[in-house]
Each structure stands twice: as C-alpha cells, then as structure tokens.
Amino acid sequence: MVVAADGTIALGGDFDGTIDFGGGPLVTAGLADVFVATSTATRSTS
C-alpha cells in the first residue's frame, strides 16, 4: 500500500475466488489473480 501526498491510496495484492472493491465482483480466471486498486481522497476507485 502506498499513500500519495494528495491522499490517493494504491493497493496491490492477489486473490483467489471472488473479490469486490465496490464496483461489482471480480472472479479469478484460474487459480489466483493479482490486482492494483486506487482510491482518491474523495473515495472514487479505479
């Protein structure tokens, strides 16, 4: 996890199965997948 001076947060990791960051569930394409997610100080995600 990294926090920028403007409050933006970036987080990376891996998951197995299903994960949901608030934009709908993501399902792994195989055994495990990786992700990079960002969130701004106003809580918009990408």
Protein backbone atom coordinates (compact mmCIF):
# COMPACT_ATOMS: atom_id res chain seq x y z
CA MET A 1 0.00 0.00 0.00
CA VAL A 2 1.16 3.49 -0.89
CA VAL A 3 -0.38 6.81 0.14
CA ALA A 4 0.43 9.86 -2.01
CA ALA A 5 0.65 13.43 -0.72
CA ASP A 6 -2.80 14.20 -2.19
CA GLY A 7 -4.39 11.33 -0.23
CA THR A 8 -4.61 8.87 -3.12
CA ILE A 9 -4.13 5.29 -1.96
CA ALA A 10 -2.77 2.48 -4.16
CA LEU A 11 -3.01 -1.13 -3.06
CA GLY A 12 -1.86 -4.30 -4.78
CA GLY A 13 -2.25 -7.94 -3.97
CA ASP A 14 -3.61 -11.26 -5.07
CA PHE A 15 -6.88 -13.09 -4.58
CA ASP A 16 -8.42 -16.48 -5.18
CA GLY A 17 -12.12 -16.85 -5.95
CA THR A 18 -14.09 -13.58 -5.91
CA ILE A 19 -13.28 -10.05 -4.71
CA ASP A 20 -15.39 -6.88 -4.76
CA PHE A 21 -13.98 -3.36 -4.37
CA GLY A 22 -17.42 -1.79 -4.69
CA GLY A 23 -17.71 -1.84 -8.47
CA GLY A 24 -19.04 -5.37 -8.73
CA PRO A 25 -17.44 -8.76 -8.14
CA LEU A 26 -14.31 -9.87 -9.96
CA VAL A 27 -13.78 -13.62 -10.36
CA THR A 28 -10.38 -15.25 -10.85
CA ALA A 29 -9.61 -16.61 -14.29
CA GLY A 30 -7.67 -19.52 -12.82
CA LEU A 31 -6.05 -20.40 -9.53
CA ALA A 32 -5.29 -16.83 -8.42
CA ASP A 33 -5.14 -13.36 -9.96
CA VAL A 34 -3.46 -10.10 -8.99
CA PHE A 35 -4.93 -6.62 -8.62
CA VAL A 36 -3.89 -2.99 -8.30
CA ALA A 37 -6.58 -0.70 -6.91
CA THR A 38 -6.51 3.03 -6.28
CA SER A 39 -8.79 5.26 -4.25
CA THR A 40 -8.76 9.05 -4.13
CA ALA A 41 -9.35 11.22 -1.07
CA THR A 42 -12.97 11.59 -2.29
CA ARG A 43 -13.25 7.77 -2.41
CA SER A 44 -13.53 7.29 -6.15
CA THR A 45 -11.96 3.97 -7.15
CA SER A 46 -10.26 2.54 -10.21
